[in-house]
Protein backbone atom coordinates (compact mmCIF):
# COMPACT_ATOMS: atom_id res chain seq x y z
CA MET A 1 -10.19 4.62 -12.27
CA ARG A 2 -7.21 6.18 -13.16
CA ARG A 3 -4.06 4.44 -13.94
CA PHE A 4 -0.41 5.78 -15.48
CA GLU A 5 1.46 4.12 -17.21
CA PHE A 6 5.55 4.66 -17.35
CA VAL A 7 9.27 2.19 -17.76
CA VAL A 8 9.53 1.60 -14.13
CA ASP A 9 13.02 2.21 -13.15
CA ARG A 10 13.92 -1.69 -10.86
CA GLU A 11 17.22 -0.67 -9.24
CA HIS A 12 16.04 2.58 -7.98
CA ALA A 13 12.46 0.94 -7.02
CA HIS A 14 14.92 -2.01 -4.81
CA ALA A 15 16.76 0.90 -3.55
CA VAL A 16 13.64 3.14 -1.95
CA ASN A 17 10.62 2.20 -2.74
CA GLU A 18 8.74 1.40 0.68
CA THR A 19 6.21 -0.37 -0.22
CA PHE A 20 8.77 -3.37 -1.95
CA THR A 21 10.71 -3.32 0.95
CA GLY A 22 8.10 -4.61 3.48
CA LEU A 23 6.91 -7.43 0.54
CA ARG A 24 10.94 -8.79 0.92
CA ARG A 25 10.45 -8.14 4.94
CA LEU A 26 7.32 -10.20 4.77
CA ARG A 27 8.67 -12.60 2.07
CA VAL A 28 11.70 -13.80 4.62
CA VAL A 29 9.42 -13.56 7.40
CA ALA A 30 6.85 -16.34 6.06
CA LEU A 31 9.76 -18.45 4.81
CA LEU A 32 11.37 -18.36 8.40
CA VAL A 33 8.73 -19.51 9.75
CA ALA A 34 7.32 -21.84 6.94
CA GLY A 35 11.39 -23.68 8.79
CA LEU A 36 10.09 -23.20 11.95
CA ALA A 37 6.54 -24.98 11.52
CA VAL A 38 8.60 -27.72 9.22
CA ALA A 39 10.96 -28.23 12.66
CA ALA A 40 8.12 -28.85 15.01
CA THR A 41 6.20 -31.42 12.50
CA ALA A 42 9.31 -33.30 12.12
CA ALA A 43 10.13 -32.77 16.10
CA LEU A 44 6.51 -34.08 17.03
CA LEU A 45 5.57 -36.83 14.82
CA TRP A 46 9.70 -37.80 16.18
CA SER A 47 7.89 -37.80 19.57
CA GLY A 48 5.37 -40.82 18.84
CA GLU A 49 3.24 -38.87 21.35
CA ALA A 50 -0.59 -38.94 20.36
CA TRP A 51 -0.60 -35.10 20.64
CA GLY A 52 1.79 -34.64 18.86
CA TYR A 53 -0.04 -35.94 15.64
CA LEU A 54 -2.24 -33.71 16.07
CA LEU A 55 0.11 -30.20 16.87
CA ALA A 56 2.05 -31.52 13.86
CA VAL A 57 -1.44 -31.80 11.32
CA VAL A 58 -1.60 -27.98 12.78
CA CYS A 59 2.26 -27.15 11.95
CA VAL A 60 2.09 -29.18 9.00
CA LEU A 61 -1.26 -25.93 8.16
CA VAL A 62 0.78 -23.24 8.84
CA THR A 63 3.38 -24.16 6.80
CA ALA A 64 1.09 -24.75 4.19
CA ILE A 65 0.32 -21.28 4.65
CA ALA A 66 3.73 -19.89 5.03
CA LEU A 67 5.04 -20.92 1.85
CA TRP A 68 1.62 -19.75 -0.14
CA VAL A 69 1.94 -16.67 1.25
CA ALA A 70 6.06 -16.53 0.29
CA LEU A 71 5.45 -17.51 -3.29
CA TRP A 72 3.03 -15.42 -3.83
CA THR A 73 4.36 -11.76 -2.67
CA PRO A 74 6.86 -11.54 -5.90
CA HIS A 75 4.11 -12.74 -8.06
CA ARG A 76 1.04 -11.29 -7.01
CA SER A 77 3.21 -7.63 -5.68
CA SER A 78 5.90 -7.20 -7.95
CA ILE A 79 6.87 -3.13 -8.86
CA GLU A 80 6.09 -3.07 -12.38
CA LYS A 81 2.04 -5.09 -11.20
CA LEU A 82 1.82 -1.96 -8.89
CA TYR A 83 1.89 0.86 -10.66
CA HIS A 84 0.15 -0.91 -13.53
CA GLU A 85 -2.73 -1.98 -11.43
CA GLY A 86 -3.54 0.87 -8.99
CA ALA A 87 -5.00 3.93 -10.14
CA LEU A 88 -3.19 7.41 -10.16
CA VAL A 89 -3.83 9.27 -6.85
CA PRO A 90 -2.55 12.58 -5.22
CA ALA A 91 -0.83 12.87 -2.21
CA VAL A 92 0.49 15.55 -0.45
CA VAL A 93 3.59 16.44 2.34
CA THR A 94 1.60 17.46 5.65
CA ASP A 95 4.22 17.16 7.71
CA THR A 96 8.06 16.68 7.31
CA GLY A 97 10.71 15.93 10.02
CA PRO A 98 14.79 13.57 10.36
CA TYR A 99 11.93 11.20 10.52
CA GLY A 100 10.99 11.17 7.23
CA PHE A 101 7.53 12.95 5.08
CA VAL A 102 3.23 11.74 6.14
CA LEU A 103 1.53 12.39 3.54
CA LEU A 104 -1.81 12.27 2.66
CA ALA A 105 -3.19 11.26 -0.36
CA LEU A 106 -7.04 11.39 -2.20
CA VAL A 107 -8.26 7.68 -2.41
CA ASP A 108 -11.47 5.80 -3.44
CA VAL A 109 -11.56 2.94 -1.78
CA ALA A 110 -14.51 1.75 -3.50
CA GLU A 111 -14.69 -1.30 -5.36
CA PRO A 112 -14.33 -1.33 -9.70
CA ALA A 113 -17.87 -2.82 -9.78
CA ALA A 114 -19.49 -0.77 -6.75
CA PRO A 115 -22.17 1.44 -8.14
CA THR A 116 -20.88 4.65 -6.24
CA ARG A 117 -17.02 5.49 -5.91
CA SER A 118 -15.69 6.17 -1.58
CA TRP A 119 -13.50 8.82 -1.29
CA ALA A 120 -11.55 9.10 1.69
CA LEU A 121 -8.27 10.92 3.00
CA ILE A 122 -5.60 7.66 3.58
CA THR A 123 -1.95 9.12 5.96
CA ARG A 124 1.36 7.62 5.03
CA ARG A 125 5.05 8.00 6.98
CA VAL A 126 7.37 7.67 4.48
CA ARG A 127 10.95 8.40 5.15
CA THR A 128 12.72 9.01 1.13
CA LEU A 129 10.91 11.22 -1.69
CA PRO A 130 12.89 11.44 -4.43
CA GLY A 131 12.35 14.20 -6.91
CA HIS A 132 10.70 16.00 -4.60
CA ALA A 133 10.75 19.03 -2.78
CA PRO A 134 11.08 18.32 1.16
CA GLN A 135 7.55 20.75 1.99
CA ARG A 136 4.53 21.46 3.92
CA GLY A 137 1.97 21.43 0.60
CA GLU A 138 4.50 19.34 -1.69
CA ARG A 139 2.18 17.57 -4.30
CA VAL A 140 3.39 14.02 -4.43
CA PRO A 141 1.07 11.75 -7.51
CA ALA A 142 1.30 7.81 -6.21
CA VAL A 143 -0.68 4.82 -7.03
CA ALA A 144 -3.40 3.56 -4.74
CA VAL A 145 -2.08 -0.62 -3.56
CA ARG A 146 -3.89 -2.80 -1.53
CA THR A 147 -2.29 -4.00 1.43
CA ASP A 148 -4.84 -5.77 2.98
CA ARG A 149 -4.09 -9.11 1.02
CA ALA A 150 -7.10 -10.83 1.83
CA PRO A 151 -8.44 -12.33 -2.07
CA ARG A 152 -10.94 -10.23 -2.18
CA GLN A 153 -12.93 -7.13 -0.30
CA VAL A 154 -15.19 -6.84 2.00
CA GLY A 155 -18.09 -5.64 0.97
CA GLU A 156 -17.94 -2.38 -1.47
CA ARG A 157 -14.92 -0.89 -0.05
CA TRP A 158 -11.00 -1.99 0.22
CA GLN A 159 -10.74 -2.15 3.73
CA LEU A 160 -6.54 -1.45 3.66
CA VAL A 161 -5.35 1.15 1.19
CA THR A 162 -1.94 2.75 1.30
CA ALA A 163 -0.98 5.68 -1.54
CA MET A 164 3.15 4.91 -3.54
CA PRO A 165 4.44 7.79 -4.95
CA ILE A 166 5.87 7.00 -8.65
CA ALA A 167 8.94 8.99 -7.60
CA TRP A 168 9.73 5.89 -5.64
CA GLY A 169 9.39 4.09 -9.41
CA THR A 170 11.49 6.19 -11.59
CA ARG A 171 14.41 8.66 -11.54
CA ASP A 172 12.65 11.10 -14.50
CA SER A 173 11.76 14.18 -13.42
CA ALA A 174 9.79 14.18 -16.17
CA VAL A 175 7.47 11.60 -15.39
CA ILE A 176 6.58 12.40 -11.64
CA GLU A 177 5.37 15.34 -13.71
CA GLN A 178 3.30 14.27 -16.67
CA ALA A 179 1.39 11.89 -13.15
CA ARG A 180 0.98 15.51 -11.07
CA SER A 181 -0.53 17.50 -14.43
CA ALA A 182 -2.84 13.92 -14.56
CA ILE A 183 -4.38 14.05 -12.22
CA THR A 184 -7.35 17.00 -11.69
CA GLU A 185 -6.99 20.31 -9.87
CA ILE A 186 -9.76 19.70 -7.93
CA GLU A 187 -8.20 16.17 -6.11
CA TRP A 188 -5.00 18.60 -5.27
CA ARG A 189 -6.70 21.69 -4.05
CA LEU A 190 -9.31 19.11 -2.30
CA LEU A 191 -6.17 18.01 -0.14
CA ALA A 192 -5.02 21.35 0.38
CA GLU A 193 -7.77 22.71 2.28
CA ASN A 194 -7.36 19.57 4.46
CA LEU A 195 -3.85 19.60 4.84
CA THR A 196 -5.22 19.62 9.03
CA LEU A 197 -7.54 16.55 9.24
CA ALA A 198 -4.18 14.87 8.37
CA THR A 199 -3.56 14.48 12.53
CA ARG A 200 -7.06 13.06 12.54
CA VAL A 201 -6.77 10.07 9.66
CA ARG A 202 -3.39 8.97 11.25
CA ARG A 203 -5.62 8.76 14.41
CA THR A 204 -7.76 6.18 13.62
CA ALA A 205 -6.73 2.12 13.22
CA ALA A 206 -7.09 2.04 9.67
CA ARG A 207 -4.79 5.61 8.94
CA ARG A 208 -8.51 6.34 7.06
CA LEU A 209 -11.08 9.23 6.71
CA LEU A 210 -13.94 8.88 4.75
CA LEU A 211 -15.86 11.77 3.03
CA ASP A 212 -18.81 12.94 3.43
CA PRO A 213 -20.78 12.48 -0.51
CA ARG A 214 -22.02 15.67 0.22
CA GLN A 215 -18.90 17.60 0.97
CA LEU A 216 -16.97 16.77 -2.69
CA PRO A 217 -16.77 19.63 -4.96
CA ASP A 218 -18.62 19.17 -8.01
CA GLY A 219 -16.07 17.01 -10.48
CA LEU A 220 -15.85 14.47 -7.35
CA GLY A 221 -18.46 12.33 -7.68
């Protein structure tokens, strides 16, 4: 797995990183659900009905799960941790508009212990790309981030993976350029040749299209 080490600008990341925003929203929702479940538990126990006790048990379980998500999210998903553990991957802008940008990324979705790599094209819609030109074909170095939240992968592939731009973690254009240079020209060229597949990838349920290993260029086995 290829990683890219750099000092994350936390202030910048908190302001523009849409992955962080999504994680923060997940935590808030989990806390709200936990609060509602606690209130429902108290009301059911107060009712004194037999069926109320059964439903109270369910609410207690919901509360426990929601609290686990709320506490687990900041521990397992800090910005520094995501950038440190994520593999460096290439992404390119395929579409621009008033809503933002669409990125097409090349990601290895195979688990680390898998005997072979499993390359796939994934897409992500983003609102901002600081440090990048707003044009089709712009090269955007990123890291691959799991979004399935499962404790472990299913089979030999991650189920849900997204791309988080390096530019969401730093204002330094030199760092972005170093990350861009660390990605092979073979990977950038493969993405450039498949820009038209972005629409097809976006139509899939997982926003992912597995590539045929036999059609991969030399050096990307």
